[in-house]
């Protein structure tokens, strides 16, 4: 606990943490002198000294009581290290619970797309590589289709970029005035409106 406090605490909080460790051990029934002596010894050498590892080969095999201890003792003499690994049991030999997923189906990949013009695109996605490739193909088809539609509509002399506007183009002022005048002008009656006001149709009101 003392070594953990030294590794994790800031210098200004170390004394308070060491006092808390001392009080915790004292409350749990440990002798105060023993706790104090161990803490002082740890503070004098807070970092653990790493044991020298052998530069020789390393042997890996399952642990067998009685045999493994003798091999480890022999390794100190002949300069080789011994590591233990749990051997496979019958269940792991007969069953394979892990599903082998193809590499292109693993989620979270970094991919690179090379173009014919020596330009490379590097991207990252949380989806699988096959799904991201399908998205790229879908976007490419959409781009080609939009390009063909713009090419078919580009026979006119003036073209504009983007989607055509659905809002009708407003008419100029004189065109709107002529259009409104044609709507207000009566189309029935034997006589038409004349600029000289020589005749007036009976369809017009009397106050006009």
N, C-alpha and C. Protein backbone atom coordinates (compact mmCIF):
# COMPACT_ATOMS: atom_id res chain seq x y z
N UNK A 1 0.82 -1.21 0.00
CA UNK A 1 0.00 0.00 0.00
C UNK A 1 0.86 1.26 0.00
N UNK A 2 1.99 1.20 0.71
CA UNK A 2 2.88 2.36 0.74
C UNK A 2 3.49 2.61 -0.62
N UNK A 3 3.93 1.55 -1.29
CA UNK A 3 4.51 1.71 -2.62
C UNK A 3 3.46 2.19 -3.62
N UNK A 4 2.24 1.74 -3.48
CA UNK A 4 1.16 2.21 -4.35
C UNK A 4 0.88 3.68 -4.13
N UNK A 5 0.91 4.11 -2.86
CA UNK A 5 0.70 5.53 -2.58
C UNK A 5 1.81 6.39 -3.16
N UNK A 6 3.03 5.90 -3.11
CA UNK A 6 4.16 6.66 -3.68
C UNK A 6 4.04 6.77 -5.19
N UNK A 7 3.56 5.71 -5.84
CA UNK A 7 3.46 5.71 -7.31
C UNK A 7 2.30 6.55 -7.82
N UNK A 8 1.21 6.63 -7.06
CA UNK A 8 -0.01 7.25 -7.58
C UNK A 8 -0.25 8.65 -7.06
N UNK A 9 0.16 8.96 -5.84
CA UNK A 9 -0.20 10.24 -5.22
C UNK A 9 0.75 11.35 -5.64
N UNK A 10 0.22 12.55 -5.64
CA UNK A 10 1.04 13.75 -5.83
C UNK A 10 1.83 14.03 -4.55
N UNK A 11 2.95 14.75 -4.67
CA UNK A 11 3.77 15.00 -3.47
C UNK A 11 3.03 15.71 -2.35
N UNK A 12 2.11 16.64 -2.69
CA UNK A 12 1.42 17.38 -1.64
C UNK A 12 0.37 16.54 -0.92
N UNK A 13 -0.05 15.42 -1.53
CA UNK A 13 -1.05 14.54 -0.90
C UNK A 13 -0.45 13.25 -0.37
N UNK A 14 0.86 13.07 -0.48
CA UNK A 14 1.48 11.81 -0.08
C UNK A 14 1.43 11.60 1.43
N UNK A 15 1.69 12.64 2.20
CA UNK A 15 1.69 12.50 3.66
C UNK A 15 0.31 12.12 4.18
N UNK A 16 -0.72 12.72 3.63
CA UNK A 16 -2.08 12.41 4.06
C UNK A 16 -2.45 10.97 3.69
N UNK A 17 -2.03 10.51 2.53
CA UNK A 17 -2.33 9.15 2.11
C UNK A 17 -1.57 8.13 2.96
N UNK A 18 -0.32 8.42 3.30
CA UNK A 18 0.45 7.51 4.16
C UNK A 18 -0.16 7.43 5.56
N UNK A 19 -0.65 8.54 6.07
CA UNK A 19 -1.32 8.52 7.38
C UNK A 19 -2.59 7.68 7.31
N UNK A 20 -3.31 7.77 6.20
CA UNK A 20 -4.52 6.95 6.04
C UNK A 20 -4.17 5.47 5.98
N UNK A 21 -3.08 5.11 5.31
CA UNK A 21 -2.65 3.71 5.26
C UNK A 21 -2.25 3.22 6.65
N UNK A 22 -1.53 4.05 7.38
CA UNK A 22 -1.11 3.67 8.74
C UNK A 22 -2.32 3.45 9.65
N UNK A 23 -3.29 4.35 9.60
CA UNK A 23 -4.47 4.22 10.43
C UNK A 23 -5.31 3.01 10.03
N UNK A 24 -5.34 2.68 8.75
CA UNK A 24 -6.11 1.52 8.29
C UNK A 24 -5.53 0.23 8.84
N UNK A 25 -4.21 0.06 8.74
CA UNK A 25 -3.59 -1.15 9.28
C UNK A 25 -3.70 -1.21 10.80
N UNK A 26 -3.59 -0.06 11.46
CA UNK A 26 -3.69 -0.03 12.91
C UNK A 26 -5.10 -0.39 13.36
N UNK A 27 -6.12 0.06 12.61
CA UNK A 27 -7.51 -0.26 12.96
C UNK A 27 -7.80 -1.74 12.77
N UNK A 28 -7.15 -2.37 11.80
CA UNK A 28 -7.37 -3.79 11.54
C UNK A 28 -6.55 -4.71 12.43
N UNK A 29 -5.88 -4.16 13.45
CA UNK A 29 -5.22 -5.00 14.45
C UNK A 29 -3.75 -5.24 14.23
N UNK A 30 -3.11 -4.60 13.27
CA UNK A 30 -1.69 -4.78 13.05
C UNK A 30 -0.91 -3.99 14.10
N UNK A 31 0.26 -4.50 14.53
CA UNK A 31 1.07 -3.77 15.52
C UNK A 31 1.55 -2.44 14.94
N UNK A 32 1.40 -1.35 15.68
CA UNK A 32 1.81 -0.05 15.14
C UNK A 32 3.29 0.03 14.82
N UNK A 33 4.15 -0.58 15.66
CA UNK A 33 5.59 -0.52 15.39
C UNK A 33 5.94 -1.27 14.11
N UNK A 34 5.29 -2.41 13.89
CA UNK A 34 5.56 -3.18 12.67
C UNK A 34 5.12 -2.40 11.43
N UNK A 35 3.95 -1.81 11.49
CA UNK A 35 3.45 -1.04 10.36
C UNK A 35 4.37 0.14 10.07
N UNK A 36 4.82 0.82 11.12
CA UNK A 36 5.70 1.97 10.94
C UNK A 36 7.05 1.54 10.36
N UNK A 37 7.59 0.42 10.81
CA UNK A 37 8.88 -0.04 10.33
C UNK A 37 8.81 -0.45 8.86
N UNK A 38 7.74 -1.15 8.50
CA UNK A 38 7.59 -1.58 7.10
C UNK A 38 7.39 -0.38 6.19
N UNK A 39 6.64 0.61 6.64
CA UNK A 39 6.42 1.80 5.82
C UNK A 39 7.71 2.59 5.64
N UNK A 40 8.51 2.70 6.70
CA UNK A 40 9.78 3.41 6.58
C UNK A 40 10.75 2.67 5.67
N UNK A 41 10.74 1.34 5.73
CA UNK A 41 11.60 0.56 4.86
C UNK A 41 11.18 0.70 3.40
N UNK A 42 9.89 0.75 3.17
CA UNK A 42 9.39 0.92 1.79
C UNK A 42 9.69 2.32 1.27
N UNK A 43 9.57 3.33 2.13
CA UNK A 43 9.87 4.69 1.70
C UNK A 43 11.35 4.88 1.41
N UNK A 44 12.21 4.12 2.09
CA UNK A 44 13.64 4.23 1.83
C UNK A 44 14.01 3.66 0.47
N UNK A 45 13.24 2.66 0.01
CA UNK A 45 13.48 2.07 -1.31
C UNK A 45 12.11 1.85 -1.96
N UNK A 46 11.48 2.91 -2.51
CA UNK A 46 10.10 2.78 -2.99
C UNK A 46 9.95 1.96 -4.25
N UNK A 47 10.98 1.86 -5.05
CA UNK A 47 10.89 1.13 -6.32
C UNK A 47 11.45 -0.27 -6.16
N UNK A 48 10.73 -1.21 -6.71
CA UNK A 48 11.16 -2.60 -6.62
C UNK A 48 12.34 -2.84 -7.54
N UNK A 49 13.26 -3.63 -7.04
CA UNK A 49 14.41 -4.00 -7.85
C UNK A 49 14.06 -5.21 -8.71
N UNK A 50 14.25 -5.03 -9.98
CA UNK A 50 13.93 -6.11 -10.90
C UNK A 50 14.99 -7.20 -10.82
N UNK A 51 14.52 -8.41 -10.76
CA UNK A 51 15.44 -9.54 -10.74
C UNK A 51 16.07 -9.70 -12.11
N UNK A 52 17.31 -10.06 -12.10
CA UNK A 52 18.04 -10.21 -13.36
C UNK A 52 17.50 -11.41 -14.12
N UNK A 53 17.15 -11.20 -15.34
CA UNK A 53 16.62 -12.27 -16.18
C UNK A 53 17.76 -12.91 -16.96
N UNK A 54 17.64 -14.17 -17.18
CA UNK A 54 18.68 -14.90 -17.90
C UNK A 54 18.61 -14.57 -19.37
N UNK A 55 19.78 -14.53 -19.99
CA UNK A 55 19.86 -14.25 -21.42
C UNK A 55 19.76 -15.50 -22.27
N UNK A 56 19.57 -16.63 -21.65
CA UNK A 56 19.51 -17.88 -22.39
C UNK A 56 18.13 -18.15 -22.95
N UNK A 57 17.90 -19.34 -23.43
CA UNK A 57 16.59 -19.68 -24.02
C UNK A 57 15.50 -19.76 -22.95
N UNK A 58 14.27 -19.69 -23.43
CA UNK A 58 13.10 -19.76 -22.56
C UNK A 58 12.27 -20.98 -22.93
N UNK A 59 11.95 -21.78 -21.94
CA UNK A 59 11.20 -23.02 -22.15
C UNK A 59 9.78 -22.82 -21.65
N UNK A 60 8.82 -23.20 -22.47
CA UNK A 60 7.41 -23.05 -22.15
C UNK A 60 6.75 -24.42 -22.14
N UNK A 61 6.16 -24.80 -21.01
CA UNK A 61 5.48 -26.08 -20.92
C UNK A 61 4.48 -26.01 -19.77
N UNK A 62 3.52 -26.93 -19.70
CA UNK A 62 2.53 -26.93 -18.62
C UNK A 62 3.19 -27.20 -17.26
N UNK A 63 2.50 -26.77 -16.23
CA UNK A 63 3.03 -26.93 -14.88
C UNK A 63 2.71 -28.33 -14.35
N UNK A 64 3.76 -28.97 -13.83
CA UNK A 64 3.62 -30.28 -13.18
C UNK A 64 4.28 -30.18 -11.81
N UNK A 65 3.52 -30.47 -10.81
CA UNK A 65 4.02 -30.33 -9.45
C UNK A 65 5.20 -31.28 -9.21
N UNK A 66 6.25 -30.73 -8.66
CA UNK A 66 7.45 -31.52 -8.38
C UNK A 66 8.46 -31.43 -9.50
N UNK A 67 8.02 -31.58 -10.74
CA UNK A 67 8.93 -31.54 -11.88
C UNK A 67 9.27 -30.10 -12.26
N UNK A 68 8.28 -29.21 -12.22
CA UNK A 68 8.51 -27.83 -12.64
C UNK A 68 9.49 -27.12 -11.72
N UNK A 69 9.41 -27.38 -10.41
CA UNK A 69 10.34 -26.75 -9.49
C UNK A 69 11.78 -27.18 -9.75
N UNK A 70 11.98 -28.46 -10.05
CA UNK A 70 13.33 -28.95 -10.34
C UNK A 70 13.88 -28.36 -11.63
N UNK A 71 13.00 -28.23 -12.64
CA UNK A 71 13.45 -27.62 -13.89
C UNK A 71 13.80 -26.15 -13.70
N UNK A 72 13.04 -25.44 -12.88
CA UNK A 72 13.33 -24.04 -12.63
C UNK A 72 14.66 -23.88 -11.88
N UNK A 73 14.91 -24.75 -10.94
CA UNK A 73 16.18 -24.71 -10.22
C UNK A 73 17.34 -25.06 -11.13
N UNK A 74 17.11 -25.99 -12.03
CA UNK A 74 18.16 -26.35 -12.99
C UNK A 74 18.41 -25.23 -13.99
N UNK A 75 17.36 -24.45 -14.31
CA UNK A 75 17.53 -23.35 -15.25
C UNK A 75 18.42 -22.24 -14.70
N UNK A 76 18.42 -22.03 -13.39
CA UNK A 76 19.31 -21.02 -12.82
C UNK A 76 20.77 -21.43 -12.97
N UNK A 77 21.01 -22.73 -12.97
CA UNK A 77 22.39 -23.21 -13.10
C UNK A 77 22.85 -23.22 -14.55
N UNK A 78 21.97 -23.63 -15.46
CA UNK A 78 22.34 -23.76 -16.88
C UNK A 78 21.96 -22.54 -17.72
N UNK A 79 21.48 -21.48 -17.09
CA UNK A 79 21.16 -20.21 -17.77
C UNK A 79 20.04 -20.38 -18.80
N UNK A 80 18.90 -20.84 -18.34
CA UNK A 80 17.69 -20.82 -19.17
C UNK A 80 16.50 -20.58 -18.23
N UNK A 81 15.48 -19.96 -18.78
CA UNK A 81 14.30 -19.61 -17.98
C UNK A 81 13.16 -20.56 -18.30
N UNK A 82 12.28 -20.70 -17.33
CA UNK A 82 11.15 -21.62 -17.44
C UNK A 82 9.87 -20.82 -17.29
N UNK A 83 8.95 -20.99 -18.22
CA UNK A 83 7.62 -20.35 -18.18
C UNK A 83 6.57 -21.45 -18.24
N UNK A 84 5.47 -21.18 -17.55
CA UNK A 84 4.41 -22.17 -17.45
C UNK A 84 3.19 -21.71 -18.23
N UNK A 85 2.57 -22.65 -18.88
CA UNK A 85 1.37 -22.39 -19.66
C UNK A 85 0.39 -23.53 -19.43
N UNK A 86 -0.85 -23.14 -19.28
CA UNK A 86 -1.88 -24.15 -19.07
C UNK A 86 -2.10 -24.93 -20.36
N UNK A 87 -2.08 -26.23 -20.26
CA UNK A 87 -2.25 -27.06 -21.43
C UNK A 87 -3.70 -27.15 -21.86
N UNK A 88 -3.95 -27.55 -23.08
CA UNK A 88 -5.33 -27.66 -23.57
C UNK A 88 -6.06 -28.80 -22.89
N UNK A 89 -7.32 -28.54 -22.53
CA UNK A 89 -8.14 -29.59 -21.93
C UNK A 89 -9.00 -30.26 -23.00
N UNK A 90 -9.78 -31.22 -22.57
CA UNK A 90 -10.59 -31.99 -23.52
C UNK A 90 -11.66 -31.12 -24.16
N UNK A 91 -12.22 -30.18 -23.40
CA UNK A 91 -13.28 -29.32 -23.94
C UNK A 91 -12.74 -28.43 -25.05
N UNK A 92 -11.55 -27.85 -24.83
CA UNK A 92 -10.98 -26.98 -25.86
C UNK A 92 -10.55 -27.75 -27.09
N UNK A 93 -10.25 -29.04 -26.92
CA UNK A 93 -9.86 -29.85 -28.07
C UNK A 93 -11.06 -30.28 -28.90
N UNK A 94 -12.19 -30.53 -28.25
CA UNK A 94 -13.36 -31.04 -28.96
C UNK A 94 -14.28 -29.94 -29.46
N UNK A 95 -14.25 -28.77 -28.82
CA UNK A 95 -15.17 -27.70 -29.20
C UNK A 95 -14.37 -26.50 -29.70
N UNK A 96 -14.98 -25.83 -30.66
CA UNK A 96 -14.42 -24.58 -31.16
C UNK A 96 -15.47 -23.48 -31.09
N UNK A 97 -15.53 -22.78 -29.95
CA UNK A 97 -16.57 -21.77 -29.75
C UNK A 97 -16.28 -20.48 -30.50
N UNK A 98 -15.04 -20.24 -30.82
CA UNK A 98 -14.69 -18.99 -31.48
C UNK A 98 -15.03 -19.08 -32.97
N UNK A 99 -15.77 -18.10 -33.43
CA UNK A 99 -16.17 -18.05 -34.84
C UNK A 99 -15.09 -17.30 -35.61
N UNK A 100 -14.59 -17.92 -36.65
CA UNK A 100 -13.58 -17.29 -37.48
C UNK A 100 -14.25 -16.35 -38.48
N UNK A 101 -14.11 -15.07 -38.23
CA UNK A 101 -14.71 -14.05 -39.09
C UNK A 101 -13.68 -13.65 -40.14
N UNK A 102 -14.07 -13.55 -41.41
CA UNK A 102 -13.13 -13.09 -42.44
C UNK A 102 -12.61 -11.69 -42.15
N UNK A 103 -11.45 -11.39 -42.71
CA UNK A 103 -10.82 -10.09 -42.46
C UNK A 103 -11.67 -8.94 -42.97
N UNK A 104 -12.35 -9.14 -44.09
CA UNK A 104 -13.16 -8.05 -44.64
C UNK A 104 -14.47 -7.84 -43.90
N UNK A 105 -14.77 -8.69 -42.89
CA UNK A 105 -15.98 -8.55 -42.10
C UNK A 105 -15.71 -8.02 -40.70
N UNK A 106 -14.45 -7.77 -40.37
CA UNK A 106 -14.13 -7.23 -39.05
C UNK A 106 -14.49 -5.76 -39.00
N UNK A 107 -15.17 -5.29 -37.94
CA UNK A 107 -15.50 -3.86 -37.84
C UNK A 107 -14.29 -3.05 -37.39
N UNK A 108 -14.31 -1.77 -37.80
CA UNK A 108 -13.24 -0.86 -37.39
C UNK A 108 -11.95 -1.11 -38.15
N UNK A 109 -11.86 -0.60 -39.37
CA UNK A 109 -10.68 -0.81 -40.21
C UNK A 109 -10.20 0.52 -40.77
N UNK A 110 -8.94 0.55 -41.16
CA UNK A 110 -8.34 1.66 -41.89
C UNK A 110 -8.00 1.15 -43.29
N UNK A 111 -8.49 1.81 -44.30
CA UNK A 111 -8.36 1.31 -45.67
C UNK A 111 -7.75 2.39 -46.56
N UNK A 112 -7.29 1.96 -47.72
CA UNK A 112 -6.69 2.85 -48.70
C UNK A 112 -7.26 2.52 -50.08
N UNK A 113 -7.71 3.54 -50.77
CA UNK A 113 -8.26 3.40 -52.12
C UNK A 113 -7.33 4.14 -53.07
N UNK A 114 -6.76 3.43 -54.02
CA UNK A 114 -5.84 4.02 -54.98
C UNK A 114 -6.58 4.32 -56.28
N UNK A 115 -6.37 5.52 -56.80
CA UNK A 115 -7.01 5.95 -58.04
C UNK A 115 -6.04 5.75 -59.19
N UNK A 116 -6.57 5.74 -60.40
CA UNK A 116 -5.73 5.59 -61.58
C UNK A 116 -4.86 6.81 -61.85
N UNK A 117 -5.20 7.94 -61.21
CA UNK A 117 -4.41 9.17 -61.40
C UNK A 117 -3.34 9.31 -60.32
N UNK A 118 -2.88 8.20 -59.74
CA UNK A 118 -1.82 8.15 -58.74
C UNK A 118 -2.18 8.90 -57.47
N UNK A 119 -3.46 9.04 -57.18
CA UNK A 119 -3.92 9.67 -55.94
C UNK A 119 -4.51 8.58 -55.05
N UNK A 120 -4.15 8.58 -53.78
CA UNK A 120 -4.63 7.58 -52.83
C UNK A 120 -5.52 8.25 -51.79
N UNK A 121 -6.60 7.57 -51.45
CA UNK A 121 -7.53 8.04 -50.42
C UNK A 121 -7.47 7.08 -49.24
N UNK A 122 -7.13 7.58 -48.07
CA UNK A 122 -7.02 6.78 -46.86
C UNK A 122 -8.15 7.18 -45.92
N UNK A 123 -8.93 6.22 -45.50
CA UNK A 123 -10.07 6.49 -44.64
C UNK A 123 -10.16 5.50 -43.50
N UNK A 124 -10.98 5.83 -42.53
CA UNK A 124 -11.22 4.98 -41.36
C UNK A 124 -12.72 4.88 -41.13
N UNK A 125 -13.18 3.69 -40.83
CA UNK A 125 -14.61 3.47 -40.63
C UNK A 125 -14.82 2.51 -39.48
N UNK A 126 -15.95 2.65 -38.82
CA UNK A 126 -16.33 1.70 -37.78
C UNK A 126 -17.05 0.49 -38.32
N UNK A 127 -17.42 0.54 -39.60
CA UNK A 127 -18.08 -0.61 -40.23
C UNK A 127 -17.02 -1.59 -40.74
N UNK A 128 -17.50 -2.66 -41.32
CA UNK A 128 -16.59 -3.63 -41.93
C UNK A 128 -16.12 -3.11 -43.28
N UNK A 129 -15.06 -3.73 -43.78
CA UNK A 129 -14.49 -3.29 -45.06
C UNK A 129 -15.44 -3.57 -46.21
N UNK A 130 -16.16 -4.68 -46.17
CA UNK A 130 -17.09 -4.99 -47.26
C UNK A 130 -18.25 -4.00 -47.30
N UNK A 131 -18.75 -3.59 -46.12
CA UNK A 131 -19.85 -2.61 -46.11
C UNK A 131 -19.37 -1.25 -46.58
N UNK A 132 -18.17 -0.85 -46.18
CA UNK A 132 -17.64 0.45 -46.64
C UNK A 132 -17.40 0.43 -48.14
N UNK A 133 -16.96 -0.71 -48.68
CA UNK A 133 -16.77 -0.82 -50.12
C UNK A 133 -18.10 -0.72 -50.85
N UNK A 134 -19.15 -1.31 -50.29
CA UNK A 134 -20.48 -1.19 -50.90
C UNK A 134 -20.96 0.26 -50.89
N UNK A 135 -20.65 0.99 -49.83
CA UNK A 135 -21.02 2.41 -49.78
C UNK A 135 -20.28 3.20 -50.84
N UNK A 136 -19.00 2.91 -51.04
CA UNK A 136 -18.23 3.59 -52.08
C UNK A 136 -18.80 3.31 -53.46
N UNK A 137 -19.17 2.06 -53.73
CA UNK A 137 -19.74 1.71 -55.03
C UNK A 137 -21.07 2.42 -55.23
N UNK A 138 -21.90 2.50 -54.18
CA UNK A 138 -23.18 3.19 -54.28
C UNK A 138 -22.99 4.67 -54.58
N UNK A 139 -22.03 5.31 -53.92
CA UNK A 139 -21.75 6.73 -54.18
C UNK A 139 -21.21 6.93 -55.59
N UNK A 140 -20.38 6.00 -56.06
CA UNK A 140 -19.84 6.12 -57.41
C UNK A 140 -20.93 5.99 -58.45
N UNK A 141 -21.86 5.07 -58.27
CA UNK A 141 -22.97 4.93 -59.22
C UNK A 141 -23.86 6.16 -59.21
N UNK A 142 -24.09 6.73 -58.05
CA UNK A 142 -24.89 7.95 -57.97
C UNK A 142 -24.21 9.11 -58.69
N UNK A 143 -22.89 9.19 -58.57
CA UNK A 143 -22.15 10.25 -59.25
C UNK A 143 -22.20 10.07 -60.77
N UNK A 144 -22.04 8.84 -61.24
CA UNK A 144 -22.08 8.58 -62.68
C UNK A 144 -23.46 8.87 -63.23
N UNK A 145 -24.51 8.49 -62.49
CA UNK A 145 -25.87 8.75 -62.95
C UNK A 145 -26.16 10.24 -63.00
N UNK A 146 -25.71 10.99 -62.01
CA UNK A 146 -25.92 12.44 -62.02
C UNK A 146 -25.12 13.10 -63.14
N UNK A 147 -23.95 12.57 -63.43
CA UNK A 147 -23.14 13.12 -64.52
C UNK A 147 -23.80 12.88 -65.87
N UNK A 148 -24.39 11.70 -66.04
CA UNK A 148 -25.09 11.42 -67.29
C UNK A 148 -26.32 12.30 -67.45
N UNK A 149 -27.05 12.53 -66.36
CA UNK A 149 -28.22 13.40 -66.44
C UNK A 149 -27.83 14.83 -66.78
N UNK A 150 -26.74 15.30 -66.23
CA UNK A 150 -26.27 16.65 -66.57
C UNK A 150 -25.79 16.71 -68.01
N UNK A 151 -25.20 15.60 -68.50
CA UNK A 151 -24.75 15.58 -69.88
C UNK A 151 -25.91 15.58 -70.86
N UNK A 152 -27.00 14.86 -70.51
CA UNK A 152 -28.18 14.86 -71.38
C UNK A 152 -28.87 16.22 -71.40
N UNK A 153 -28.85 16.91 -70.28
CA UNK A 153 -29.49 18.22 -70.22
C UNK A 153 -28.57 19.35 -70.63
N UNK A 154 -27.34 19.01 -71.01
CA UNK A 154 -26.38 20.05 -71.35
C UNK A 154 -26.33 20.42 -72.81
N UNK A 155 -27.36 20.06 -73.61
CA UNK A 155 -27.36 20.42 -75.02
C UNK A 155 -27.72 21.88 -75.22
N UNK A 156 -28.34 22.52 -74.23
CA UNK A 156 -28.67 23.94 -74.37
C UNK A 156 -27.42 24.78 -74.28
N UNK A 157 -27.56 26.03 -74.69
CA UNK A 157 -26.39 26.92 -74.74
C UNK A 157 -25.93 27.32 -73.36
N UNK A 158 -26.86 27.48 -72.41
CA UNK A 158 -26.50 27.89 -71.06
C UNK A 158 -26.88 26.78 -70.10
N UNK A 159 -25.93 26.38 -69.30
CA UNK A 159 -26.16 25.35 -68.29
C UNK A 159 -25.71 25.87 -66.94
N UNK A 160 -26.28 25.33 -65.91
CA UNK A 160 -25.93 25.71 -64.55
C UNK A 160 -25.62 24.46 -63.75
N UNK A 161 -24.76 24.62 -62.76
CA UNK A 161 -24.37 23.50 -61.93
C UNK A 161 -25.43 23.21 -60.88
N UNK A 162 -25.51 21.94 -60.48
CA UNK A 162 -26.42 21.57 -59.41
C UNK A 162 -27.78 21.14 -59.93
N UNK A 163 -28.68 20.89 -58.99
CA UNK A 163 -30.03 20.44 -59.31
C UNK A 163 -30.86 21.62 -59.81
N UNK A 164 -31.66 21.42 -60.87
CA UNK A 164 -32.50 22.53 -61.37
C UNK A 164 -33.49 22.98 -60.31
N UNK A 165 -33.75 24.27 -60.26
CA UNK A 165 -34.65 24.83 -59.26
C UNK A 165 -36.10 24.52 -59.62
N UNK A 166 -36.89 24.18 -58.59
CA UNK A 166 -38.31 23.91 -58.79
C UNK A 166 -39.17 25.16 -58.64
N UNK A 167 -38.57 26.30 -58.26
CA UNK A 167 -39.31 27.55 -58.11
C UNK A 167 -39.43 28.21 -59.48
N UNK A 168 -40.63 28.62 -59.90
CA UNK A 168 -40.77 29.25 -61.22
C UNK A 168 -40.02 30.58 -61.28
N UNK A 169 -39.49 30.86 -62.45
CA UNK A 169 -38.73 32.09 -62.65
C UNK A 169 -39.70 33.26 -62.69
N UNK A 170 -39.50 34.32 -61.90
CA UNK A 170 -40.44 35.45 -61.90
C UNK A 170 -40.39 36.21 -63.22
N UNK A 171 -41.56 36.65 -63.67
CA UNK A 171 -41.65 37.42 -64.91
C UNK A 171 -41.22 38.86 -64.67
N UNK A 172 -40.68 39.52 -65.68
CA UNK A 172 -40.35 40.94 -65.53
C UNK A 172 -41.61 41.79 -65.32
N UNK A 173 -41.40 43.05 -64.94
CA UNK A 173 -42.54 43.90 -64.57
C UNK A 173 -43.46 44.15 -65.75
N UNK A 174 -42.93 44.42 -66.92
CA UNK A 174 -43.78 44.70 -68.08
C UNK A 174 -44.55 43.47 -68.52
N UNK A 175 -43.92 42.28 -68.38
CA UNK A 175 -44.63 41.05 -68.74
C UNK A 175 -45.77 40.78 -67.77
N UNK A 176 -45.54 41.03 -66.46
CA UNK A 176 -46.61 40.83 -65.48
C UNK A 176 -47.75 41.82 -65.74
N UNK A 177 -47.41 43.06 -66.11
CA UNK A 177 -48.45 44.07 -66.36
C UNK A 177 -49.30 43.70 -67.56
N UNK A 178 -48.63 43.20 -68.62
CA UNK A 178 -49.37 42.78 -69.81
C UNK A 178 -50.24 41.57 -69.51
N UNK A 179 -49.72 40.66 -68.67
CA UNK A 179 -50.50 39.47 -68.33
C UNK A 179 -51.72 39.85 -67.49
N UNK A 180 -51.55 40.76 -66.53
CA UNK A 180 -52.67 41.20 -65.72
C UNK A 180 -53.69 41.98 -66.55
N UNK A 181 -53.21 42.76 -67.51
CA UNK A 181 -54.12 43.52 -68.36
C UNK A 181 -54.95 42.60 -69.24
N UNK A 182 -54.31 41.51 -69.70
CA UNK A 182 -55.07 40.57 -70.54
C UNK A 182 -56.14 39.85 -69.73
N UNK A 183 -55.89 39.65 -68.42
CA UNK A 183 -56.90 39.01 -67.59
C UNK A 183 -58.05 39.95 -67.26
N UNK A 184 -57.78 41.24 -67.08
CA UNK A 184 -58.83 42.20 -66.74
C UNK A 184 -59.64 42.65 -67.95
N UNK A 185 -59.10 42.49 -69.12
CA UNK A 185 -59.80 42.94 -70.32
C UNK A 185 -60.92 41.97 -70.65
N UNK A 186 -62.16 42.40 -70.78
CA UNK A 186 -63.27 41.48 -71.12
C UNK A 186 -63.12 40.95 -72.53
N UNK A 187 -63.44 39.65 -72.66
CA UNK A 187 -63.29 38.99 -73.94
C UNK A 187 -64.63 38.78 -74.66
N UNK A 188 -65.75 39.11 -74.02
CA UNK A 188 -67.05 38.92 -74.68
C UNK A 188 -67.70 40.29 -74.88
N UNK A 189 -68.63 40.37 -75.76
CA UNK A 189 -69.31 41.64 -76.07
C UNK A 189 -69.05 42.06 -77.50
N UNK A 190 -69.92 42.74 -78.07
CA UNK A 190 -69.76 43.13 -79.48
C UNK A 190 -68.71 44.20 -79.68
N UNK A 191 -68.50 45.04 -78.69
CA UNK A 191 -67.54 46.12 -78.87
C UNK A 191 -66.35 45.89 -77.95
N UNK A 192 -65.16 46.21 -78.41
CA UNK A 192 -63.94 46.09 -77.65
C UNK A 192 -63.54 47.45 -77.09
N UNK A 193 -62.66 47.39 -76.11
CA UNK A 193 -62.16 48.63 -75.54
C UNK A 193 -61.29 49.33 -76.56
N UNK A 194 -61.56 50.61 -76.77
CA UNK A 194 -60.78 51.41 -77.72
C UNK A 194 -60.05 52.50 -76.94
N UNK A 195 -58.85 52.82 -77.42
CA UNK A 195 -58.07 53.87 -76.76
C UNK A 195 -58.73 55.23 -76.92
N UNK A 196 -59.48 55.45 -78.04
CA UNK A 196 -60.13 56.75 -78.28
C UNK A 196 -61.42 56.92 -77.50
N UNK A 197 -61.86 55.83 -76.77
CA UNK A 197 -63.10 55.87 -75.97
C UNK A 197 -64.31 56.24 -76.82
N UNK A 198 -64.32 55.78 -78.06
CA UNK A 198 -65.47 56.06 -78.92
C UNK A 198 -66.63 55.14 -78.59
N UNK A 199 -66.34 53.94 -78.14
CA UNK A 199 -67.40 52.99 -77.85
C UNK A 199 -67.02 52.20 -76.61
N UNK A 200 -68.02 51.71 -75.88
CA UNK A 200 -67.78 50.95 -74.66
C UNK A 200 -68.76 49.78 -74.62
N UNK A 201 -68.25 48.65 -74.22
CA UNK A 201 -69.09 47.46 -74.17
C UNK A 201 -70.02 47.53 -72.98
N UNK A 202 -71.17 46.84 -73.10
CA UNK A 202 -72.14 46.83 -72.01
C UNK A 202 -71.68 45.97 -70.84
N UNK A 203 -70.61 45.19 -71.04
CA UNK A 203 -70.09 44.35 -69.95
C UNK A 203 -69.31 45.14 -68.93
N UNK A 204 -68.89 46.34 -69.29
CA UNK A 204 -68.14 47.17 -68.33
C UNK A 204 -69.11 47.82 -67.38
N UNK A 205 -68.75 48.06 -66.14
CA UNK A 205 -69.66 48.74 -65.20
C UNK A 205 -69.85 50.19 -65.59
N UNK A 206 -70.88 50.78 -65.02
CA UNK A 206 -71.26 52.14 -65.44
C UNK A 206 -70.28 53.18 -64.93
N UNK A 207 -69.58 52.91 -63.83
CA UNK A 207 -68.69 53.92 -63.28
C UNK A 207 -67.31 53.90 -63.89
N UNK A 208 -67.05 53.04 -64.85
CA UNK A 208 -65.74 53.01 -65.50
C UNK A 208 -65.68 54.09 -66.55
